[in-house]
C-alpha cells in the first residue's frame, strides 16, 4: 500500500469519526494557544467553537489552516435559569394564563389557566411548576456555639389536665414532654391541637438507675417455635386492572397499603369492595386512572369501603372516572358503615352522575377529604343529583358539637361543574372550609353548597360549618343562583367570598312544610344559625352578607338565625390533624 494511499485512508476515517462524534459541553476544552498540537487534540477557539487537530501542527490557526483542523461537535451549555425571586411575588389577586410568580416556598409557578389568585401549591389545576433557580442565600461566617444553659425538668411544670389555659402556660404532658400554650384554649390536647400548643424545651425526668441484676441460672433450652410471618405492609398490584387490584386487596390484612400502578383501566360494571384497614394508593392523580364503563344501579360504587370492622379507610393519588351518562346514576368512592378517622386525598373524581364521594349511613362518621379535584359530577340530561361529596348521617340526631373533631371535614379541595359540591341529609354533620368552588353553565340554577331539611330521609341535616371558601363562576351569561343554600339544620357560615356573578351568597329556605303563617316552625328547620363576615355583591339586591331569606315567617332573624359570631365558638384545628396520621 502506498504512503499517499495510507494517508488518504487515515484522513477519511478520522473525518468520519469527527463528523459523528458528539463532544462534551462546549467550553470544557482547553483554550487554543500558539503551541504544538498532535492529531486528536481538541481546543476551544476564540469564536466559542471547538476544533480537533486532524494532523500534527505547530499551532496553526484552526479557522485558517483547515487542512490541519476540523470543527468538532459539542453540546452547547444549558442556558442559565432565571432566579425565581426575579418574578413577582404571589399575592391573592387575579392572574391570567402565562403569568409567572415567585411563591413563598422560593419556587416559581406558571398560571395554566386564568384564576382569581388560587394558591399554586393547592390549585394544581390552575398552576404548574416553573423552572427557575432559587436565590442562593448568603452563608454567614459561623460563630462559636455557646454552651446552652441547663434546661429545666419537664416534670417541674404542672401536669396537663382538661382545664382552661392561657397563652404562655407550660404543662407536663403524659408523654414526658413539655408543651406551651400558643393561644388561650379550654384544655385542648397538646399533641392533637398543635395550633394551640407548641413543644417546650425541657429535660425529661432522670429515670431511677436500673439495679444490677442477679445472674439468672441458664435454663434448659426448649425448642423455639416457628414464628408466625408478619403481614406485609405494602402489596403492589400487578396492574390497575380490576382483577389485579381485587387480587391484591384480597391478600391484604389490616394496616396494609395496596399500591396501584400507573395505567388507564376500565373496571366495567364491577365494584371493588375494600375492608376498613386496607389502604389504596395510586401512582398519582391522572397517572392511575380507573374508569366505570357500563350500566350500574345507583347503589353501586366504583370503590366501596366497608368500615363496620372499626378500622380506617385511606384512599389517595388516583383518578376515578364515571360514565357521564344521565341515565346511569353511578357513584365513585363509598365510605360506608361508620367510617371513622378516614382520609381521602390528592385524587380526582369526575363524571359521576350521582356523587363522586358518598359518606354514609351511620352516626359518628368523621374524617377528612382534602386536596382533591371534583370536576363535572352532574348531568344536565338528568337535572337532579350531581354531587361532589354527599354526607348522610344514618338518621341519628347528635347533640350540637360545633368546633369539634366529630364531623366529616372537606377542606382545601377544588370543585368545578358539580350541581351541589357538598350535599347532606339524615342527621349529617360536616365542615366545609378552605375550598375553591367554580360554577359552570349546566348547574348554575342550583346552590353550590347544600344542607337539606326534612325531605326524602327520616331526618334533615344536623349541622354544618361553612367558612373560608372562595366561590366564583365560569358561566356564559346570567348569574349563579346561590353559593350556599340552607334548607335545615344548625351551624355557622362565615368568611366566605362570592363574586358578583353569584346572585345570593346565602339562601335560607324551609323544606318539608309550607312557609308560615308567622311563627310557624317545621321539624329539622333552621333553629340556631350564625352568619357573619361573608363577601357579597350589594348590587344583587340582597341584605347584609348577601342573604336572601325565602321564609321570614318561619326562619326569624334573631330567633332562628343571627348576624353575628356564635358565642364561644372556636373552629377546629386547621389543617385537620388526621392529615398527618
Protein backbone atom coordinates (compact mmCIF):
# COMPACT_ATOMS: atom_id res chain seq x y z
CA UNK A 1 0.00 0.00 0.00
CA UNK A 2 1.50 3.38 -0.98
CA UNK A 3 2.22 6.03 1.63
CA UNK A 4 -0.10 8.50 -0.13
CA UNK A 5 -2.98 5.96 -0.15
CA UNK A 6 -2.45 5.20 3.57
CA UNK A 7 -2.54 8.88 4.41
CA UNK A 8 -5.79 9.38 2.45
CA UNK A 9 -7.40 6.36 4.14
CA UNK A 10 -6.43 7.63 7.63
CA UNK A 11 -7.80 11.07 6.79
CA UNK A 12 -11.08 9.52 5.62
CA UNK A 13 -11.62 7.51 8.82
CA UNK A 14 -10.62 10.43 11.05
CA UNK A 15 -13.04 12.74 9.22
CA UNK A 16 -15.81 10.17 9.63
CA UNK A 17 -15.04 9.97 13.38
CA UNK A 18 -15.11 13.76 13.71
CA UNK A 19 -18.40 14.07 11.80
CA UNK A 20 -20.13 11.51 14.03
CA UNK A 21 -18.66 12.49 17.39
CA UNK A 22 -20.61 14.48 19.89
CA UNK A 23 -18.23 16.08 22.36
CA UNK A 24 -18.74 17.25 25.90
CA UNK A 25 -20.28 20.58 26.74
CA UNK A 26 -18.80 23.46 24.73
CA UNK A 27 -16.32 25.42 26.81
CA UNK A 28 -14.94 22.46 28.75
CA UNK A 29 -11.87 22.06 26.48
CA UNK A 30 -8.55 23.95 26.79
CA UNK A 31 -8.38 27.31 25.02
CA UNK A 32 -6.40 27.44 21.74
CA UNK A 33 -2.85 28.87 22.02
CA UNK A 34 0.07 29.06 19.61
CA UNK A 35 1.78 25.80 20.62
CA UNK A 36 2.39 22.34 19.16
CA UNK A 37 -0.70 20.12 18.74
CA UNK A 38 -0.96 16.46 17.80
CA UNK A 39 -3.68 14.63 15.91
CA UNK A 40 -6.83 14.33 18.07
CA UNK A 41 -6.22 17.38 20.31
CA UNK A 42 -9.41 19.38 20.88
CA UNK A 43 -9.40 23.12 21.60
CA UNK A 44 -11.83 25.92 22.37
CA UNK A 45 -11.24 28.73 19.86
CA UNK A 46 -11.85 32.45 20.40
CA UNK A 47 -15.13 32.26 18.47
CA UNK A 48 -16.53 29.97 21.20
CA UNK A 49 -16.42 26.86 18.98
CA UNK A 50 -14.41 23.65 19.29
CA UNK A 51 -11.89 22.26 16.77
CA UNK A 52 -9.99 18.95 16.54
CA UNK A 53 -6.47 18.55 15.11
CA UNK A 54 -6.60 16.28 12.05
CA UNK A 55 -2.80 16.39 11.77
CA UNK A 56 0.14 17.36 13.97
CA UNK A 57 0.83 21.07 13.67
CA UNK A 58 2.88 23.79 15.44
CA UNK A 59 -0.16 25.83 16.45
CA UNK A 60 -1.73 26.77 13.13
CA UNK A 61 -4.92 28.85 13.34
CA UNK A 62 -7.97 26.45 13.29
CA UNK A 63 -10.18 28.70 11.13
CA UNK A 64 -7.39 29.38 8.62
CA UNK A 65 -5.47 26.10 8.47
CA UNK A 66 -8.42 23.86 7.76
CA UNK A 67 -6.04 21.19 6.40
CA UNK A 68 -4.80 20.71 9.98
CA UNK A 69 -8.05 21.34 11.88
CA UNK A 70 -11.71 20.39 11.58
CA UNK A 71 -14.79 21.68 13.51
CA UNK A 72 -15.65 19.46 16.45
CA UNK A 73 -19.26 18.99 17.54
CA UNK A 74 -20.03 19.77 21.18
CA UNK A 75 -23.06 20.26 23.36
CA UNK A 76 -23.90 23.92 23.99
CA UNK A 77 -24.10 24.72 27.70
CA UNK A 78 -27.64 24.77 29.07
CA UNK A 79 -28.87 28.35 29.41
CA UNK A 80 -28.86 29.64 32.96
CA UNK A 81 -32.30 29.59 34.55
CA UNK A 82 -33.64 32.92 35.83
CA UNK A 83 -33.80 33.49 39.56
CA UNK A 84 -37.21 32.57 40.98
CA UNK A 85 -37.05 35.77 43.02
CA UNK A 86 -36.91 37.81 39.79
CA UNK A 87 -40.61 37.11 39.20
CA UNK A 88 -43.39 39.00 41.06
CA UNK A 89 -44.27 37.56 44.44
CA UNK A 90 -47.52 35.59 44.57
CA UNK A 91 -50.46 37.53 46.04
CA UNK A 92 -54.18 36.87 46.24
CA UNK A 93 -55.10 38.69 43.01
CA UNK A 94 -56.33 37.84 39.52
CA UNK A 95 -53.86 36.00 37.26
CA UNK A 96 -54.08 35.15 33.57
CA UNK A 97 -52.68 32.18 31.67
CA UNK A 98 -48.91 32.51 31.39
CA UNK A 99 -48.33 34.66 34.47
CA UNK A 100 -45.27 33.55 36.45
CA UNK A 101 -44.93 34.14 40.20
CA UNK A 102 -42.41 33.55 42.96
CA UNK A 103 -44.15 31.61 45.74
CA UNK A 104 -43.40 31.69 49.48
CA UNK A 105 -41.54 28.34 49.22
CA UNK A 106 -38.92 30.02 46.99
CA UNK A 107 -40.10 28.23 43.83
CA UNK A 108 -41.68 29.53 40.63
CA UNK A 109 -45.16 28.72 39.31
CA UNK A 110 -46.86 29.49 35.99
CA UNK A 111 -50.62 30.04 35.58
CA UNK A 112 -52.02 27.26 33.37
CA UNK A 113 -55.46 28.93 33.37
CA UNK A 114 -56.93 32.29 34.39
CA UNK A 115 -57.73 32.32 38.10
CA UNK A 116 -58.57 34.84 40.85
CA UNK A 117 -55.46 34.15 42.93
CA UNK A 118 -55.80 30.45 43.80
CA UNK A 119 -52.90 29.01 45.81
CA UNK A 120 -50.27 27.49 43.42
CA UNK A 121 -49.43 24.53 45.66
CA UNK A 122 -53.11 23.69 46.29
CA UNK A 123 -54.82 24.58 42.99
CA UNK A 124 -52.57 22.47 40.75
CA UNK A 125 -55.23 22.53 38.03
CA UNK A 126 -54.63 26.27 37.62
CA UNK A 127 -50.86 26.36 38.22
CA UNK A 128 -47.79 24.37 37.13
CA UNK A 129 -44.21 24.47 38.50
CA UNK A 130 -41.93 26.79 36.51
CA UNK A 131 -38.20 26.07 36.18
CA UNK A 132 -36.08 28.75 37.82
CA UNK A 133 -33.16 28.99 40.21
CA UNK A 134 -33.77 29.66 43.87
CA UNK A 135 -31.76 32.56 45.23
CA UNK A 136 -28.59 31.35 46.89
CA UNK A 137 -28.68 32.55 50.47
CA UNK A 138 -25.57 34.19 51.78
CA UNK A 139 -23.85 31.94 54.30
CA UNK A 140 -22.79 33.93 57.32
CA UNK A 141 -19.50 33.20 59.00
CA UNK A 142 -20.33 30.77 61.77
CA UNK A 143 -19.83 31.92 65.29
CA UNK A 144 -18.93 29.57 68.10
CA UNK A 145 -21.99 27.88 69.54
CA UNK A 146 -22.33 28.91 73.18
CA UNK A 147 -22.89 26.17 75.70
CA UNK A 148 -26.66 26.20 76.29
CA UNK A 149 -27.89 26.63 79.82
CA UNK A 150 -29.24 23.53 81.51
CA UNK A 151 -32.91 23.01 80.69
CA UNK A 152 -35.46 22.65 83.50
CA UNK A 153 -37.01 19.25 84.14
CA UNK A 154 -40.27 18.75 82.21
CA UNK A 155 -41.75 17.26 85.38
CA UNK A 156 -41.21 20.58 87.18
CA UNK A 157 -44.20 22.03 85.30
CA UNK A 158 -47.86 21.35 86.25
CA UNK A 159 -49.32 18.21 84.77
CA UNK A 160 -51.68 18.73 81.82
CA UNK A 161 -55.37 18.45 82.69
CA UNK A 162 -58.53 19.24 80.76
CA UNK A 163 -58.95 22.82 82.03
CA UNK A 164 -58.69 26.35 80.66
CA UNK A 165 -55.20 27.52 79.69
CA UNK A 166 -53.96 30.96 78.65
CA UNK A 167 -51.18 31.92 76.25
CA UNK A 168 -47.79 31.14 77.82
CA UNK A 169 -48.92 28.37 80.18
CA UNK A 170 -46.48 25.42 80.24
CA UNK A 171 -47.57 21.90 81.09
CA UNK A 172 -46.01 18.48 81.65
CA UNK A 173 -47.79 16.04 79.29
CA UNK A 174 -48.31 12.29 79.73
CA UNK A 175 -45.60 11.51 77.14
CA UNK A 176 -43.00 13.04 79.45
CA UNK A 177 -42.55 16.19 77.35
CA UNK A 178 -43.35 19.86 77.90
CA UNK A 179 -45.80 22.00 75.90
CA UNK A 180 -46.51 25.74 75.88
CA UNK A 181 -49.91 27.30 75.12
CA UNK A 182 -49.61 29.38 71.95
CA UNK A 183 -53.19 30.65 72.35
CA UNK A 184 -55.89 30.58 75.03
CA UNK A 185 -57.80 27.30 74.91
CA UNK A 186 -60.24 25.28 77.04
CA UNK A 187 -57.88 22.33 77.55
CA UNK A 188 -57.28 21.08 74.01
CA UNK A 189 -54.90 18.13 73.77
CA UNK A 190 -51.31 19.43 73.16
CA UNK A 191 -50.31 16.67 70.72
CA UNK A 192 -53.50 16.99 68.66
CA UNK A 193 -54.33 20.71 68.78
CA UNK A 194 -50.96 21.93 67.51
CA UNK A 195 -52.46 25.28 66.59
CA UNK A 196 -53.00 25.99 70.30
CA UNK A 197 -49.84 24.33 71.69
CA UNK A 198 -46.14 24.21 70.82
CA UNK A 199 -43.41 21.89 72.18
CA UNK A 200 -41.45 23.47 75.05
CA UNK A 201 -37.78 22.63 75.54
CA UNK A 202 -37.17 20.86 78.82
CA UNK A 203 -35.31 17.81 80.13
CA UNK A 204 -37.14 14.58 80.75
CA UNK A 205 -37.03 13.44 84.38
CA UNK A 206 -33.93 11.40 85.15
CA UNK A 207 -35.01 7.78 85.46
CA UNK A 208 -34.14 5.74 88.52
CA UNK A 209 -30.92 3.77 87.77
CA UNK A 210 -31.55 0.18 86.84
CA UNK A 211 -30.16 -2.09 89.58
CA UNK A 212 -27.54 -4.67 88.66
CA UNK A 213 -29.47 -7.85 88.03
CA UNK A 214 -28.76 -11.08 89.87
CA UNK A 215 -27.39 -13.63 87.39
CA UNK A 216 -30.15 -15.94 86.24
CA UNK A 217 -29.32 -19.67 86.04
CA UNK A 218 -29.12 -20.91 82.49
CA UNK A 219 -32.41 -22.67 81.82
CA UNK A 220 -32.74 -25.94 79.98
CA UNK A 221 -33.35 -24.96 76.35
CA UNK A 222 -36.72 -25.69 74.84
CA UNK A 223 -37.45 -25.89 71.10
CA UNK A 224 -38.06 -22.45 69.55
CA UNK A 225 -41.50 -22.36 67.89
CA UNK A 226 -41.72 -21.28 64.26
CA UNK A 227 -42.84 -17.61 64.31
CA UNK A 228 -45.98 -16.52 62.51
CA UNK A 229 -44.96 -14.39 59.48
CA UNK A 230 -45.61 -10.66 59.94
CA UNK A 231 -48.11 -9.41 57.35
CA UNK A 232 -46.57 -7.44 54.50
CA UNK A 233 -47.24 -3.70 54.97
CA UNK A 234 -47.23 -2.95 51.22
CA UNK A 235 -48.66 -5.04 48.38
CA UNK A 236 -48.07 -3.90 44.80
CA UNK A 237 -50.90 -4.75 42.42
CA UNK A 238 -49.59 -6.12 39.12
CA UNK A 239 -51.59 -3.55 37.15
CA UNK A 240 -54.55 -1.23 37.56
CA UNK A 241 -56.93 -3.83 36.12
CA UNK A 242 -59.86 -4.83 38.30
CA UNK A 243 -58.65 -8.44 38.54
CA UNK A 244 -55.14 -7.46 39.68
CA UNK A 245 -56.30 -4.85 42.19
CA UNK A 246 -59.00 -7.13 43.61
CA UNK A 247 -56.41 -9.91 43.99
CA UNK A 248 -54.05 -7.58 45.89
CA UNK A 249 -56.87 -6.37 48.14
CA UNK A 250 -57.83 -9.99 48.80
CA UNK A 251 -54.32 -10.70 50.15
CA UNK A 252 -54.16 -7.52 52.25
CA UNK A 253 -54.67 -7.51 56.01
CA UNK A 254 -55.44 -4.54 58.26
CA UNK A 255 -52.71 -1.92 58.07
CA UNK A 256 -51.62 -2.91 54.55
CA UNK A 257 -51.29 -0.40 51.72
CA UNK A 258 -52.22 -1.70 48.28
CA UNK A 259 -50.32 0.30 45.67
CA UNK A 260 -51.98 0.56 42.25
CA UNK A 261 -49.51 1.33 39.44
CA UNK A 262 -49.84 3.83 36.61
CA UNK A 263 -52.34 2.96 33.91
CA UNK A 264 -55.73 3.71 32.41
CA UNK A 265 -58.05 0.83 33.26
CA UNK A 266 -61.74 0.14 32.70
CA UNK A 267 -63.43 -1.77 35.51
CA UNK A 268 -66.65 -2.18 33.54
CA UNK A 269 -69.61 -2.54 35.90
CA UNK A 270 -67.64 -4.14 38.74
CA UNK A 271 -67.35 -2.75 42.27
CA UNK A 272 -64.16 -3.12 44.30
CA UNK A 273 -65.06 -3.97 47.91
CA UNK A 274 -62.45 -2.99 50.49
CA UNK A 275 -62.50 -3.62 54.24
CA UNK A 276 -61.53 -0.89 56.69
CA UNK A 277 -57.82 -1.03 57.49
CA UNK A 278 -56.75 -1.70 53.89
CA UNK A 279 -55.39 1.45 52.23
CA UNK A 280 -55.46 2.19 48.49
CA UNK A 281 -52.72 4.34 46.93
CA UNK A 282 -52.32 5.10 43.23
CA UNK A 283 -49.24 6.39 41.40
CA UNK A 284 -50.71 9.89 41.11
CA UNK A 285 -53.70 11.91 40.01
CA UNK A 286 -54.23 11.37 36.24
CA UNK A 287 -51.46 8.74 36.38
CA UNK A 288 -53.50 5.91 37.86
CA UNK A 289 -56.92 6.20 36.18
CA UNK A 290 -59.84 3.87 36.96
CA UNK A 291 -62.98 4.10 34.81
CA UNK A 292 -66.57 2.98 35.22
CA UNK A 293 -67.80 1.72 31.84
CA UNK A 294 -71.30 0.29 31.62
CA UNK A 295 -74.65 0.43 33.35
CA UNK A 296 -74.93 0.05 37.14
CA UNK A 297 -77.60 0.74 39.73
CA UNK A 298 -77.49 3.83 41.97
CA UNK A 299 -76.44 1.59 44.87
CA UNK A 300 -73.17 0.62 43.17
CA UNK A 301 -69.76 2.26 43.61
CA UNK A 302 -66.51 2.04 41.72
CA UNK A 303 -64.72 1.56 45.09
CA UNK A 304 -66.67 0.78 48.28
CA UNK A 305 -65.11 0.76 51.76
CA UNK A 306 -66.89 -1.19 54.50
CA UNK A 307 -65.80 0.26 57.86
CA UNK A 308 -68.05 -1.92 60.03
CA UNK A 309 -64.88 -3.51 61.48
CA UNK A 310 -63.99 -0.17 63.12
CA UNK A 311 -60.80 0.36 61.09
CA UNK A 312 -59.75 3.34 58.97
CA UNK A 313 -60.20 3.91 55.25
CA UNK A 314 -57.38 5.73 53.40
CA UNK A 315 -57.58 6.49 49.67
CA UNK A 316 -55.10 8.63 47.69
CA UNK A 317 -53.28 9.54 44.48
CA UNK A 318 -55.54 8.37 41.68
CA UNK A 319 -58.35 9.42 39.37
CA UNK A 320 -61.82 7.84 39.29
CA UNK A 321 -63.95 8.48 36.17
CA UNK A 322 -67.68 7.80 35.85
CA UNK A 323 -69.87 7.14 32.81
CA UNK A 324 -71.04 10.74 32.48
CA UNK A 325 -74.39 9.36 31.32
CA UNK A 326 -77.56 10.88 32.78
CA UNK A 327 -79.39 7.55 32.55
CA UNK A 328 -76.77 5.81 34.76
CA UNK A 329 -76.72 7.15 38.32
CA UNK A 330 -73.21 5.98 39.15
CA UNK A 331 -71.11 6.74 42.24
CA UNK A 332 -67.34 6.91 42.69
CA UNK A 333 -65.98 6.22 46.18
CA UNK A 334 -68.18 4.96 49.02
CA UNK A 335 -67.16 5.34 52.69
CA UNK A 336 -69.81 3.16 54.28
CA UNK A 337 -70.99 1.74 57.60
CA UNK A 338 -69.48 4.21 60.03
CA UNK A 339 -66.04 5.16 58.72
CA UNK A 340 -64.06 6.96 61.44
CA UNK A 341 -60.79 8.91 61.02
CA UNK A 342 -60.77 8.22 57.29
CA UNK A 343 -58.85 10.36 54.81
CA UNK A 344 -59.16 10.84 51.06
CA UNK A 345 -56.51 12.98 49.36
CA UNK A 346 -54.66 14.01 46.20
CA UNK A 347 -57.20 12.42 43.87
CA UNK A 348 -59.58 13.44 41.09
CA UNK A 349 -63.24 12.45 40.71
CA UNK A 350 -65.10 13.25 37.51
CA UNK A 351 -68.25 12.38 35.50
CA UNK A 352 -70.19 10.60 38.27
CA UNK A 353 -73.89 11.37 37.86
CA UNK A 354 -74.97 10.58 41.45
CA UNK A 355 -71.93 11.53 43.54
CA UNK A 356 -68.13 11.44 43.45
CA UNK A 357 -67.79 10.53 47.17
CA UNK A 358 -70.59 9.22 49.37
CA UNK A 359 -70.14 9.12 53.17
CA UNK A 360 -72.95 7.20 54.87
CA UNK A 361 -75.08 5.96 56.51
CA UNK A 362 -74.18 5.92 60.19
CA UNK A 363 -73.86 8.07 63.27
CA UNK A 364 -70.44 9.27 64.42
CA UNK A 365 -68.78 9.36 60.99
CA UNK A 366 -65.66 11.51 60.90
CA UNK A 367 -62.63 12.01 58.69
CA UNK A 368 -61.06 14.42 56.23
CA UNK A 369 -61.32 14.83 52.44
CA UNK A 370 -58.58 17.18 51.22
CA UNK A 371 -56.56 18.34 48.20
CA UNK A 372 -58.80 16.63 45.64
CA UNK A 373 -60.36 17.80 42.37
CA UNK A 374 -64.12 17.26 41.83
CA UNK A 375 -64.92 18.00 38.17
CA UNK A 376 -68.27 17.83 36.30
CA UNK A 377 -70.11 15.38 38.54
CA UNK A 378 -73.52 16.29 37.13
CA UNK A 379 -75.62 15.51 34.08
CA UNK A 380 -77.76 18.25 32.54
CA UNK A 381 -79.88 15.46 30.99
CA UNK A 382 -80.95 14.25 34.44
CA UNK A 383 -81.21 17.69 36.13
CA UNK A 384 -81.06 16.01 39.53
CA UNK A 385 -78.36 14.57 41.79
CA UNK A 386 -74.82 15.57 40.72
CA UNK A 387 -72.84 15.92 43.95
CA UNK A 388 -69.15 16.28 44.70
CA UNK A 389 -69.43 14.97 48.27
CA UNK A 390 -72.55 13.51 49.93
CA UNK A 391 -72.78 13.14 53.72
CA UNK A 392 -75.73 11.10 55.09
CA UNK A 393 -75.87 10.59 58.85
CA UNK A 394 -77.94 7.42 59.16
CA UNK A 395 -80.89 9.07 60.92
CA UNK A 396 -79.12 9.87 64.22
CA UNK A 397 -79.61 13.32 65.73
CA UNK A 398 -76.47 14.07 67.78
CA UNK A 399 -76.14 16.98 70.19
CA UNK A 400 -74.80 20.10 68.52
CA UNK A 401 -70.97 19.96 68.74
CA UNK A 402 -69.65 22.76 66.54
CA UNK A 403 -65.88 23.21 66.55
CA UNK A 404 -65.14 19.59 67.49
CA UNK A 405 -63.40 16.82 65.55
CA UNK A 406 -66.68 14.89 65.23
CA UNK A 407 -67.56 15.76 61.65
CA UNK A 408 -66.77 14.98 58.04
CA UNK A 409 -64.20 17.62 57.08
CA UNK A 410 -63.95 18.73 53.44
CA UNK A 411 -61.02 21.17 53.10
CA UNK A 412 -58.55 22.50 50.51
CA UNK A 413 -60.32 20.94 47.51
CA UNK A 414 -61.18 22.27 44.04
CA UNK A 415 -64.78 21.90 42.81
CA UNK A 416 -65.99 22.78 39.31
CA UNK A 417 -69.10 21.89 37.33
CA UNK A 418 -70.96 19.97 40.05
CA UNK A 419 -74.62 20.61 40.97
CA UNK A 420 -74.18 20.67 44.77
CA UNK A 421 -70.49 20.47 45.60
CA UNK A 422 -71.49 19.12 49.00
CA UNK A 423 -74.94 17.81 49.91
CA UNK A 424 -76.18 16.48 53.26
CA UNK A 425 -79.17 14.80 54.89
CA UNK A 426 -80.46 12.41 57.59
CA UNK A 427 -78.55 13.66 60.65
CA UNK A 428 -75.38 14.65 58.76
CA UNK A 429 -72.54 16.61 60.37
CA UNK A 430 -69.97 18.27 58.10
CA UNK A 431 -67.36 21.04 57.91
CA UNK A 432 -66.73 22.66 54.50
CA UNK A 433 -63.71 25.00 54.63
CA UNK A 434 -60.87 26.48 52.55
CA UNK A 435 -62.27 25.12 49.29
CA UNK A 436 -62.32 26.68 45.82
CA UNK A 437 -65.72 26.33 44.11
CA UNK A 438 -66.42 27.30 40.49
CA UNK A 439 -69.91 27.24 38.98
CA UNK A 440 -70.39 26.21 35.34
CA UNK A 441 -73.32 26.76 32.94
CA UNK A 442 -75.09 23.36 33.30
CA UNK A 443 -75.64 23.73 37.07
CA UNK A 444 -75.89 27.49 37.50
CA UNK A 445 -79.52 27.28 38.69
CA UNK A 446 -78.60 25.47 41.93
CA UNK A 447 -76.92 26.20 45.25
CA UNK A 448 -73.21 25.40 45.13
CA UNK A 449 -73.22 24.22 48.77
CA UNK A 450 -76.25 22.45 50.23
CA UNK A 451 -77.83 21.38 53.50
CA UNK A 452 -81.17 19.54 53.24
CA UNK A 453 -84.07 19.98 55.58
CA UNK A 454 -86.58 17.26 56.30
CA UNK A 455 -87.47 15.75 52.93
CA UNK A 456 -86.60 12.36 51.44
CA UNK A 457 -84.95 10.98 54.62
CA UNK A 458 -86.28 10.39 58.16
CA UNK A 459 -84.27 13.42 59.39
CA UNK A 460 -82.79 16.52 57.83
CA UNK A 461 -79.21 17.78 58.12
CA UNK A 462 -77.99 18.17 61.70
CA UNK A 463 -75.13 20.68 61.46
CA UNK A 464 -72.67 22.36 59.14
CA UNK A 465 -69.70 24.72 59.44
CA UNK A 466 -69.04 26.57 56.18
CA UNK A 467 -66.18 29.05 56.20
CA UNK A 468 -63.16 30.48 54.36
CA UNK A 469 -64.32 29.20 50.96
CA UNK A 470 -63.98 31.03 47.62
CA UNK A 471 -66.97 30.88 45.28
CA UNK A 472 -66.83 32.07 41.66
CA UNK A 473 -68.24 31.11 38.25
CA UNK A 474 -67.24 30.41 34.68
CA UNK A 475 -70.62 30.87 33.04
CA UNK A 476 -71.56 32.37 29.67
CA UNK A 477 -74.31 34.62 30.99
CA UNK A 478 -76.72 35.33 33.82
CA UNK A 479 -75.97 34.59 37.47
CA UNK A 480 -75.34 31.52 39.58
CA UNK A 481 -78.35 31.06 41.87
CA UNK A 482 -76.51 30.90 45.20
CA UNK A 483 -73.19 29.97 46.77
CA UNK A 484 -74.72 28.45 49.92
CA UNK A 485 -78.25 27.08 50.16
CA UNK A 486 -79.51 26.09 53.63
CA UNK A 487 -82.84 24.25 54.00
CA UNK A 488 -82.43 22.95 57.55
CA UNK A 489 -80.10 22.22 60.45
CA UNK A 490 -77.86 24.47 62.55
CA UNK A 491 -74.36 25.84 62.22
CA UNK A 492 -72.06 28.70 61.32
CA UNK A 493 -71.32 30.41 57.98
CA UNK A 494 -68.52 32.99 57.90
CA UNK A 495 -65.55 34.42 55.96
CA UNK A 496 -66.74 33.15 52.58
CA UNK A 497 -66.00 35.04 49.35
CA UNK A 498 -68.51 35.17 46.50
CA UNK A 499 -68.04 37.00 43.20
CA UNK A 500 -70.59 39.36 41.64
CA UNK A 501 -71.62 36.59 39.20
CA UNK A 502 -73.41 34.81 42.08
CA UNK A 503 -76.88 36.15 42.87
CA UNK A 504 -77.05 35.18 46.54
CA UNK A 505 -74.16 34.40 48.82
CA UNK A 506 -76.55 32.65 51.25
CA UNK A 507 -80.11 31.46 50.62
CA UNK A 508 -82.26 30.39 53.60
CA UNK A 509 -85.21 28.09 52.88
CA UNK A 510 -87.66 25.69 54.52
CA UNK A 511 -88.24 22.12 53.36
CA UNK A 512 -90.85 19.54 54.25
CA UNK A 513 -93.54 22.02 55.29
CA UNK A 514 -95.22 25.16 53.98
CA UNK A 515 -93.90 28.56 54.95
CA UNK A 516 -95.91 30.46 57.58
CA UNK A 517 -98.13 31.81 58.89
CA UNK A 518 -95.88 33.90 61.14
CA UNK A 519 -94.31 31.87 63.95
CA UNK A 520 -94.85 28.50 62.24
CA UNK A 521 -91.93 26.15 62.84
CA UNK A 522 -91.21 22.94 60.95
CA UNK A 523 -89.27 19.82 62.00
CA UNK A 524 -85.49 19.99 61.48
CA UNK A 525 -85.66 23.55 60.13
CA UNK A 526 -83.00 26.19 60.84
CA UNK A 527 -83.10 26.91 64.58
CA UNK A 528 -79.58 28.11 65.51
CA UNK A 529 -77.58 29.56 62.61
CA UNK A 530 -74.91 32.28 62.95
CA UNK A 531 -73.77 34.21 59.87
CA UNK A 532 -71.02 36.83 59.72
CA UNK A 533 -68.29 38.42 57.58
CA UNK A 534 -69.25 36.94 54.21
CA UNK A 535 -68.44 38.79 50.99
CA UNK A 536 -71.33 39.62 48.67
CA UNK A 537 -72.20 41.93 45.80
CA UNK A 538 -74.59 44.59 47.19
CA UNK A 539 -75.81 45.35 43.65
CA UNK A 540 -77.56 41.99 43.56
CA UNK A 541 -80.15 43.39 45.96
CA UNK A 542 -79.82 41.10 48.98
CA UNK A 543 -79.25 42.06 52.60
CA UNK A 544 -76.14 42.03 54.81
CA UNK A 545 -73.86 39.12 53.96
CA UNK A 546 -75.75 38.61 50.68
CA UNK A 547 -78.59 36.73 52.40
CA UNK A 548 -82.00 36.00 50.92
CA UNK A 549 -84.46 34.63 53.50
CA UNK A 550 -87.24 32.99 51.47
CA UNK A 551 -89.43 32.35 54.55
CA UNK A 552 -89.07 35.05 57.23
CA UNK A 553 -92.34 33.85 58.83
CA UNK A 554 -90.67 30.59 59.93
CA UNK A 555 -86.97 31.49 59.82
CA UNK A 556 -86.90 34.53 62.08
CA UNK A 557 -83.96 36.90 62.43
CA UNK A 558 -82.56 36.92 66.00
CA UNK A 559 -84.71 33.87 66.81
CA UNK A 560 -83.57 31.20 64.35
CA UNK A 561 -80.59 32.93 62.75
CA UNK A 562 -78.23 35.69 63.83
CA UNK A 563 -75.92 38.08 62.01
CA UNK A 564 -73.02 37.81 64.44
CA UNK A 565 -70.33 35.31 65.52
CA UNK A 566 -71.61 32.38 67.54
CA UNK A 567 -70.77 32.96 71.24
CA UNK A 568 -67.96 30.66 72.41
CA UNK A 569 -67.41 29.08 69.02
CA UNK A 570 -63.80 28.15 68.10
CA UNK A 571 -63.14 26.40 64.75
CA UNK A 572 -61.50 23.01 64.92
CA UNK A 573 -57.74 22.83 64.23
CA UNK A 574 -56.74 23.58 60.63
CA UNK A 575 -55.37 21.68 58.81
CA UNK A 576 -57.21 18.71 60.25
CA UNK A 577 -54.67 16.71 62.32
CA UNK A 578 -55.81 13.48 60.64
CA UNK A 579 -53.94 14.61 57.52
CA UNK A 580 -50.64 13.95 59.29
CA UNK A 581 -51.55 10.49 60.59
